[in-house]
C-alpha atoms as a PDB file:
ATOM      1  CA  MET A   1      63.218  96.497-124.064  1.00  0.00           C
ATOM      2  CA  LEU A   2      63.600  93.870-126.784  1.00  0.00           C
ATOM      3  CA  LEU A   3      62.274  90.292-126.612  1.00  0.00           C
ATOM      4  CA  ALA A   4      64.220  87.613-128.490  1.00  0.00           C
ATOM      5  CA  GLY A   5      63.534  83.922-128.999  1.00  0.00           C
ATOM      6  CA  LYS A   6      62.404  81.241-131.426  1.00  0.00           C
ATOM      7  CA  HIS A   7      59.028  80.401-129.842  1.00  0.00           C
ATOM      8  CA  THR A   8      56.420  82.893-131.048  1.00  0.00           C
ATOM      9  CA  LEU A   9      53.734  81.907-128.541  1.00  0.00           C
ATOM     10  CA  LEU A  10      56.174  82.225-125.656  1.00  0.00           C
ATOM     11  CA  LEU A  11      57.339  85.642-126.843  1.00  0.00           C
ATOM     12  CA  ASP A  12      53.741  86.838-127.167  1.00  0.00           C
ATOM     13  CA  GLY A  13      53.045  85.744-123.605  1.00  0.00           C
ATOM     14  CA  LEU A  14      56.154  87.482-122.284  1.00  0.00           C
ATOM     15  CA  CYS A  15      55.270  90.612-124.231  1.00  0.00           C
ATOM     16  CA  ARG A  16      51.784  90.803-122.694  1.00  0.00           C
ATOM     17  CA  LEU A  17      53.195  90.073-119.246  1.00  0.00           C
ATOM     18  CA  LEU A  18      55.814  92.822-119.361  1.00  0.00           C
ATOM     19  CA  ASP A  19      53.605  95.384-121.102  1.00  0.00           C
ATOM     20  CA  GLU A  20      51.364  95.332-118.030  1.00  0.00           C
ATOM     21  CA  GLU A  21      54.021  97.314-116.179  1.00  0.00           C
ATOM     22  CA  ASP A  22      54.065 101.104-116.472  1.00  0.00           C
ATOM     23  CA  ASP A  23      57.861 101.324-116.290  1.00  0.00           C
ATOM     24  CA  ILE A  24      58.620  98.561-118.838  1.00  0.00           C
ATOM     25  CA  ARG A  25      58.073  99.012-122.568  1.00  0.00           C
ATOM     26  CA  VAL A  26      58.620  96.265-125.131  1.00  0.00           C
ATOM     27  CA  VAL A  27      59.683  97.930-128.373  1.00  0.00           C
ATOM     28  CA  ALA A  28      59.974  94.802-130.546  1.00  0.00           C
ATOM     29  CA  THR A  29      60.359  91.028-130.691  1.00  0.00           C
ATOM     30  CA  LEU A  30      63.171  89.308-132.548  1.00  0.00           C
ATOM     31  CA  ASP A  31      64.031  85.853-133.849  1.00  0.00           C
ATOM     32  CA  PRO A  32      67.793  85.320-133.280  1.00  0.00           C
ATOM     33  CA  SER A  33      68.068  84.045-136.862  1.00  0.00           C
ATOM     34  CA  ASP A  34      66.960  87.422-138.253  1.00  0.00           C
ATOM     35  CA  GLN A  35      69.646  89.273-140.145  1.00  0.00           C
ATOM     36  CA  ALA A  36      69.125  92.603-138.389  1.00  0.00           C
ATOM     37  CA  PRO A  37      67.289  93.872-135.319  1.00  0.00           C
ATOM     38  CA  PRO A  38      63.895  95.472-136.049  1.00  0.00           C
ATOM     39  CA  VAL A  39      64.752  98.567-133.999  1.00  0.00           C
ATOM     40  CA  SER A  40      67.736 100.791-133.432  1.00  0.00           C
ATOM     41  CA  PRO A  41      70.006  99.129-130.831  1.00  0.00           C
ATOM     42  CA  GLU A  42      70.479 102.505-129.151  1.00  0.00           C
ATOM     43  CA  SER A  43      66.795 102.486-128.160  1.00  0.00           C
ATOM     44  CA  VAL A  44      67.130  99.204-126.244  1.00  0.00           C
ATOM     45  CA  ASP A  45      68.516  98.967-122.712  1.00  0.00           C
ATOM     46  CA  VAL A  46      67.409  95.399-121.857  1.00  0.00           C
ATOM     47  CA  VAL A  47      67.080  92.271-123.997  1.00  0.00           C
ATOM     48  CA  VAL A  48      65.020  89.360-122.664  1.00  0.00           C
ATOM     49  CA  LEU A  49      66.286  86.261-124.428  1.00  0.00           C
ATOM     50  CA  SER A  50      64.171  83.127-124.092  1.00  0.00           C
ATOM     51  CA  GLY A  51      65.211  79.667-125.250  1.00  0.00           C
ATOM     52  CA  GLU A  52      67.151  76.493-124.521  1.00  0.00           C
ATOM     53  CA  PHE A  53      70.582  76.748-122.966  1.00  0.00           C
ATOM     54  CA  ASP A  54      72.342  74.892-125.794  1.00  0.00           C
ATOM     55  CA  HIS A  55      71.313  77.683-128.173  1.00  0.00           C
ATOM     56  CA  LEU A  56      72.352  80.450-125.790  1.00  0.00           C
ATOM     57  CA  ALA A  57      75.808  81.161-127.219  1.00  0.00           C
ATOM     58  CA  GLU A  58      74.501  81.668-130.746  1.00  0.00           C
ATOM     59  CA  ALA A  59      71.469  83.645-129.637  1.00  0.00           C
ATOM     60  CA  ALA A  60      73.433  85.896-127.287  1.00  0.00           C
ATOM     61  CA  ALA A  61      75.891  86.716-130.049  1.00  0.00           C
ATOM     62  CA  THR A  62      73.207  87.493-132.627  1.00  0.00           C
ATOM     63  CA  SER A  63      70.397  89.028-130.566  1.00  0.00           C
ATOM     64  CA  LEU A  64      71.330  92.618-131.468  1.00  0.00           C
ATOM     65  CA  ARG A  65      74.289  92.326-133.860  1.00  0.00           C
ATOM     66  CA  CYS A  66      75.615  95.640-132.686  1.00  0.00           C
ATOM     67  CA  PRO A  67      79.034  95.758-130.987  1.00  0.00           C
ATOM     68  CA  ASP A  68      78.351  99.249-129.640  1.00  0.00           C
ATOM     69  CA  CYS A  69      75.014  98.338-128.097  1.00  0.00           C
ATOM     70  CA  ARG A  70      74.958  98.670-124.313  1.00  0.00           C
ATOM     71  CA  ALA A  71      71.814  96.630-123.726  1.00  0.00           C
ATOM     72  CA  ARG A  72      72.057  94.024-120.980  1.00  0.00           C
ATOM     73  CA  THR A  73      70.522  90.588-121.418  1.00  0.00           C
ATOM     74  CA  VAL A  74      68.178  88.541-119.239  1.00  0.00           C
ATOM     75  CA  PHE A  75      68.207  84.873-120.224  1.00  0.00           C
ATOM     76  CA  ALA A  76      64.968  83.007-119.470  1.00  0.00           C
ATOM     77  CA  ASP A  77      66.013  79.367-119.776  1.00  0.00           C
ATOM     78  CA  THR A  78      63.340  77.027-121.148  1.00  0.00           C
ATOM     79  CA  SER A  79      65.494  73.945-120.501  1.00  0.00           C
ATOM     80  CA  ASP A  80      66.494  72.412-117.172  1.00  0.00           C
ATOM     81  CA  ALA A  81      70.073  73.708-117.091  1.00  0.00           C
ATOM     82  CA  SER A  82      70.169  75.883-113.974  1.00  0.00           C
ATOM     83  CA  HIS A  83      73.474  74.254-112.962  1.00  0.00           C
ATOM     84  CA  ARG A  84      75.040  76.044-115.969  1.00  0.00           C
ATOM     85  CA  ALA A  85      74.060  79.516-114.771  1.00  0.00           C
ATOM     86  CA  LEU A  86      77.685  80.574-114.240  1.00  0.00           C
ATOM     87  CA  GLU A  87      78.436  79.513-117.799  1.00  0.00           C
ATOM     88  CA  ALA A  88      75.653  81.837-118.946  1.00  0.00           C
ATOM     89  CA  LEU A  89      77.243  84.748-117.103  1.00  0.00           C
ATOM     90  CA  GLY A  90      80.509  83.910-118.840  1.00  0.00           C
ATOM     91  CA  LEU A  91      78.744  84.478-122.172  1.00  0.00           C
ATOM     92  CA  GLY A  92      77.853  88.013-121.144  1.00  0.00           C
ATOM     93  CA  ILE A  93      74.387  87.393-119.732  1.00  0.00           C
ATOM     94  CA  ALA A  94      73.472  89.837-116.952  1.00  0.00           C
ATOM     95  CA  ALA A  95      70.650  87.792-115.412  1.00  0.00           C
ATOM     96  CA  TYR A  96      69.828  84.083-115.512  1.00  0.00           C
ATOM     97  CA  LEU A  97      66.317  82.805-114.767  1.00  0.00           C
ATOM     98  CA  PRO A  98      65.451  79.084-114.664  1.00  0.00           C
ATOM     99  CA  ARG A  99      62.529  77.423-116.385  1.00  0.00           C
ATOM    100  CA  ARG A 100      60.317  77.673-113.291  1.00  0.00           C
ATOM    101  CA  ALA A 101      60.973  81.359-112.639  1.00  0.00           C
ATOM    102  CA  THR A 102      57.913  83.381-111.674  1.00  0.00           C
ATOM    103  CA  PRO A 103      56.634  86.492-113.506  1.00  0.00           C
ATOM    104  CA  LEU A 104      57.682  88.559-110.492  1.00  0.00           C
ATOM    105  CA  GLU A 105      61.261  87.248-110.767  1.00  0.00           C
ATOM    106  CA  LEU A 106      61.390  88.205-114.450  1.00  0.00           C
ATOM    107  CA  LYS A 107      60.110  91.730-113.851  1.00  0.00           C
ATOM    108  CA  SER A 108      62.467  92.222-110.907  1.00  0.00           C
ATOM    109  CA  ALA A 109      65.453  91.039-112.960  1.00  0.00           C
ATOM    110  CA  VAL A 110      64.606  93.412-115.828  1.00  0.00           C
ATOM    111  CA  ARG A 111      64.347  96.370-113.470  1.00  0.00           C
ATOM    112  CA  ALA A 112      67.497  95.457-111.542  1.00  0.00           C
ATOM    113  CA  ILE A 113      69.863  95.156-114.504  1.00  0.00           C
ATOM    114  CA  ALA A 114      68.358  98.215-116.193  1.00  0.00           C
ATOM    115  CA  THR A 115      69.019 100.283-113.076  1.00  0.00           C
ATOM    116  CA  HIS A 116      72.343  98.811-111.924  1.00  0.00           C
ATOM    117  CA  SER A 117      74.860  98.319-114.724  1.00  0.00           C
ATOM    118  CA  ASP A 118      77.322  96.506-112.448  1.00  0.00           C
ATOM    119  CA  ARG A 119      74.873  93.918-111.113  1.00  0.00           C
ATOM    120  CA  VAL A 120      74.372  90.320-112.224  1.00  0.00           C
ATOM    121  CA  ILE A 121      71.476  88.147-111.101  1.00  0.00           C
ATOM    122  CA  ILE A 122      71.214  84.379-110.783  1.00  0.00           C
ATOM    123  CA  SER A 123      67.937  82.814-109.715  1.00  0.00           C
ATOM    124  CA  ILE A 124      68.275  79.052-109.338  1.00  0.00           C
ATOM    125  CA  PRO A 125      66.885  76.354-107.025  1.00  0.00           C
ATOM    126  CA  ARG A 126      69.078  74.909-104.269  1.00  0.00           C
ATOM    127  CA  ASP A 127      69.584  71.732-106.277  1.00  0.00           C
ATOM    128  CA  GLY A 128      71.134  73.786-109.067  1.00  0.00           C
ATOM    129  CA  LEU A 129      73.494  75.410-106.567  1.00  0.00           C
ATOM    130  CA  ARG A 130      74.673  72.002-105.337  1.00  0.00           C
ATOM    131  CA  ARG A 131      75.274  70.895-108.916  1.00  0.00           C
ATOM    132  CA  ILE A 132      77.337  74.032-109.564  1.00  0.00           C
ATOM    133  CA  ASP A 133      79.470  73.285-106.511  1.00  0.00           C
ATOM    134  CA  ASN A 134      79.897  69.685-107.663  1.00  0.00           C
ATOM    135  CA  GLN A 135      81.120  70.873-111.044  1.00  0.00           C
ATOM    136  CA  ARG A 136      83.570  73.295-109.450  1.00  0.00           C
ATOM    137  CA  ASN A 137      84.879  70.473-107.262  1.00  0.00           C
ATOM    138  CA  ASN A 138      84.968  68.125-110.283  1.00  0.00           C
ATOM    139  CA  ILE A 139      82.759  65.658-108.405  1.00  0.00           C
ATOM    140  CA  GLN A 140      80.323  63.960-110.753  1.00  0.00           C
ATOM    141  CA  ILE A 141      77.990  61.462-109.085  1.00  0.00           C
ATOM    142  CA  PRO A 142      74.995  59.934-110.904  1.00  0.00           C
ATOM    143  CA  GLN A 143      71.576  60.651-109.444  1.00  0.00           C
ATOM    144  CA  LEU A 144      70.999  57.001-108.490  1.00  0.00           C
ATOM    145  CA  GLU A 145      74.180  56.932-106.414  1.00  0.00           C
ATOM    146  CA  ILE A 146      73.215  60.219-104.741  1.00  0.00           C
ATOM    147  CA  GLU A 147      69.893  58.605-103.850  1.00  0.00           C
ATOM    148  CA  ILE A 148      71.691  55.575-102.398  1.00  0.00           C
ATOM    149  CA  LEU A 149      74.026  57.844-100.445  1.00  0.00           C
ATOM    150  CA  SER A 150      71.060  59.750 -99.009  1.00  0.00           C
ATOM    151  CA  MET A 151      69.652  56.431 -97.752  1.00  0.00           C
ATOM    152  CA  VAL A 152      73.023  55.630 -96.194  1.00  0.00           C
ATOM    153  CA  ALA A 153      72.850  59.013 -94.466  1.00  0.00           C
ATOM    154  CA  ALA A 154      69.436  57.972 -93.126  1.00  0.00           C
ATOM    155  CA  ALA A 155      71.118  54.898 -91.531  1.00  0.00           C
ATOM    156  CA  LEU A 156      69.548  52.342 -93.881  1.00  0.00           C
ATOM    157  CA  THR A 157      71.380  49.052 -94.386  1.00  0.00           C
ATOM    158  CA  ASN A 158      72.368  47.723 -97.799  1.00  0.00           C
ATOM    159  CA  GLY A 159      69.495  45.259 -97.607  1.00  0.00           C
ATOM    160  CA  GLN A 160      66.955  47.986 -96.856  1.00  0.00           C
ATOM    161  CA  ILE A 161      68.303  50.139 -99.690  1.00  0.00           C
ATOM    162  CA  ALA A 162      68.119  47.180-102.074  1.00  0.00           C
ATOM    163  CA  ASN A 163      64.489  46.554-101.114  1.00  0.00           C
ATOM    164  CA  ARG A 164      63.545  50.183-101.696  1.00  0.00           C
ATOM    165  CA  LEU A 165      65.203  50.268-105.108  1.00  0.00           C
ATOM    166  CA  SER A 166      64.117  46.727-106.075  1.00  0.00           C
ATOM    167  CA  VAL A 167      67.706  45.688-106.807  1.00  0.00           C
ATOM    168  CA  SER A 168      70.116  43.201-105.278  1.00  0.00           C
ATOM    169  CA  GLU A 169      72.498  44.023-102.442  1.00  0.00           C
ATOM    170  CA  ALA A 170      75.383  43.389-104.837  1.00  0.00           C
ATOM    171  CA  VAL A 171      74.166  46.289-107.000  1.00  0.00           C
ATOM    172  CA  VAL A 172      73.963  48.564-103.962  1.00  0.00           C
ATOM    173  CA  LYS A 173      77.487  47.599-102.893  1.00  0.00           C
ATOM    174  CA  ARG A 174      78.830  48.281-106.380  1.00  0.00           C
ATOM    175  CA  HIS A 175      77.309  51.760-106.415  1.00  0.00           C
ATOM    176  CA  LEU A 176      78.651  52.476-102.937  1.00  0.00           C
ATOM    177  CA  ARG A 177      82.152  51.481-104.047  1.00  0.00           C
ATOM    178  CA  ASN A 178      81.799  53.980-106.896  1.00  0.00           C
ATOM    179  CA  VAL A 179      80.698  56.667-104.435  1.00  0.00           C
ATOM    180  CA  PHE A 180      83.629  55.941-102.108  1.00  0.00           C
ATOM    181  CA  ARG A 181      86.034  56.181-105.048  1.00  0.00           C
ATOM    182  CA  ARG A 182      84.607  59.464-106.327  1.00  0.00           C
ATOM    183  CA  LEU A 183      84.596  61.073-102.887  1.00  0.00           C
ATOM    184  CA  GLY A 184      87.832  59.524-101.664  1.00  0.00           C
ATOM    185  CA  ALA A 185      85.935  58.097 -98.693  1.00  0.00           C
ATOM    186  CA  VAL A 186      87.004  55.158 -96.542  1.00  0.00           C
ATOM    187  CA  SER A 187      83.718  54.380 -94.802  1.00  0.00           C
ATOM    188  CA  ARG A 188      79.997  55.006 -94.997  1.00  0.00           C
ATOM    189  CA  LEU A 189      80.191  57.777 -92.405  1.00  0.00           C
ATOM    190  CA  ASP A 190      83.158  59.369 -94.189  1.00  0.00           C
ATOM    191  CA  ALA A 191      81.265  59.281 -97.498  1.00  0.00           C
ATOM    192  CA  VAL A 192      78.213  60.959 -95.970  1.00  0.00           C
ATOM    193  CA  ASN A 193      80.323  63.664 -94.303  1.00  0.00           C
ATOM    194  CA  LYS A 194      82.233  64.412 -97.505  1.00  0.00           C
ATOM    195  CA  ALA A 195      78.997  64.487 -99.490  1.00  0.00           C
ATOM    196  CA  HIS A 196      77.627  67.100 -97.091  1.00  0.00           C
ATOM    197  CA  GLU A 197      80.821  69.153 -97.359  1.00  0.00           C
ATOM    198  CA  ALA A 198      80.652  69.062-101.173  1.00  0.00           C
ATOM    199  CA  ARG A 199      76.914  69.890-101.033  1.00  0.00           C
ATOM    200  CA  ILE A 200      76.076  66.715-102.903  1.00  0.00           C
ATOM    201  CA  LEU A 201      73.652  66.019-100.082  1.00  0.00           C
ATOM    202  CA  PRO A 202      71.627  68.751 -98.362  1.00  0.00           C
ATOM    203  CA  ALA A 203      73.254  70.269 -95.311  1.00  0.00           C
ATOM    204  CA  GLN A 204      72.682  68.371 -92.115  1.00  0.00           C
ATOM    205  CA  ARG A 205      70.037  69.838 -89.895  1.00  0.00           C
ATOM    206  CA  SER A 206      70.845  69.924 -86.257  1.00  0.00           C
ATOM    207  CA  GLU A 207      67.930  68.675 -84.235  1.00  0.00           C
ATOM    208  CA  PRO A 208      66.949  71.001 -81.407  1.00  0.00           C
ATOM    209  CA  ALA A 209      67.795  69.630 -78.021  1.00  0.00           C
ATOM    210  CA  PRO A 210      64.751  68.441 -76.117  1.00  0.00           C
ATOM    211  CA  LEU A 211      63.566  70.792 -73.448  1.00  0.00           C
ATOM    212  CA  ARG A 212      64.462  69.694 -70.000  1.00  0.00           C
ATOM    213  CA  HIS A 213      61.959  70.509 -67.358  1.00  0.00           C
ATOM    214  CA  ALA A 214      63.299  71.304 -63.950  1.00  0.00           C
ATOM    215  CA  PRO A 215      62.250  68.713 -61.387  1.00  0.00           C
ATOM    216  CA  LYS A 216      59.292  69.776 -59.397  1.00  0.00           C
ATOM    217  CA  ARG A 217      60.083  70.665 -55.865  1.00  0.00           C
ATOM    218  CA  PRO A 218      57.808  69.297 -53.219  1.00  0.00           C
ATOM    219  CA  SER A 219      55.376  71.940 -52.186  1.00  0.00           C
ATOM    220  CA  ARG A 220      55.904  73.320 -48.763  1.00  0.00           C
ATOM    221  CA  ARG A 221      52.978  73.118 -46.484  1.00  0.00           C
ATOM    222  CA  THR A 222      52.122  76.288 -44.761  1.00  0.00           C
ATOM    223  CA  HIS A 223      51.212  75.731 -41.163  1.00  0.00           C
ATOM    224  CA  GLY A 224      48.863  77.927 -39.316  1.00  0.00           C
ATOM    225  CA  PRO A 225      49.644  79.405 -35.907  1.00  0.00           C
ATOM    226  CA  LEU A 226      50.526  76.908 -33.191  1.00  0.00           C
ATOM    227  CA  VAL A 227      47.728  76.635 -30.673  1.00  0.00           C
ATOM    228  CA  LEU A 228      48.382  75.195 -27.203  1.00  0.00           C
ATOM    229  CA  THR A 229      45.477  73.708 -25.329  1.00  0.00           C
ATOM    230  CA  GLU A 230      45.181  72.493 -21.746  1.00  0.00           C
ATOM    231  CA  ARG A 231      44.108  68.961 -20.971  1.00  0.00           C
END
């Protein structure tokens, strides 16, 4: 396996982390700006590329500089761009890991793509998944307006929302008009429903129905044997 990236300290940490495993061997580290890889590309089956997403295209193209190399690439993103994971796959990346990925996720991704040549892996938080869906639906809503819409979903009035955000009601109304326009909604309820459908807001959770206890039946008294007495 080859490690590539511009941050020496980060690469050293990744190298020590992966070298702990018996079935993973790091053969070299590489700066993407180097003119040639320090090892033969044929000896590498996985490249772990670490860096910011904006530099991914250049780094992915120059990490090995060998058109015949069959190594697959894990991209460990150091920026907060998990919503662009599909774009990373389009650049030929086999596995995308976000900035907050755990060591276990990294090791699992390396093993998975080394073993299964037809598999791609995306590990992103739920928020990143919603942002991907929004991009695919061409719905772009600023974070402040999403926050306002979530308060609308919680049945807050414009006045209550304004108090929470320390703004005027006129500002809240203006943002809601923008939300209605972007979603094509005609009412507050319609906007909330469409936001749930587009995954702009988290999916609605259905509250469990309260348990209904069967009414208690009056206890039947058990009578003893009837005794007749003479007067």
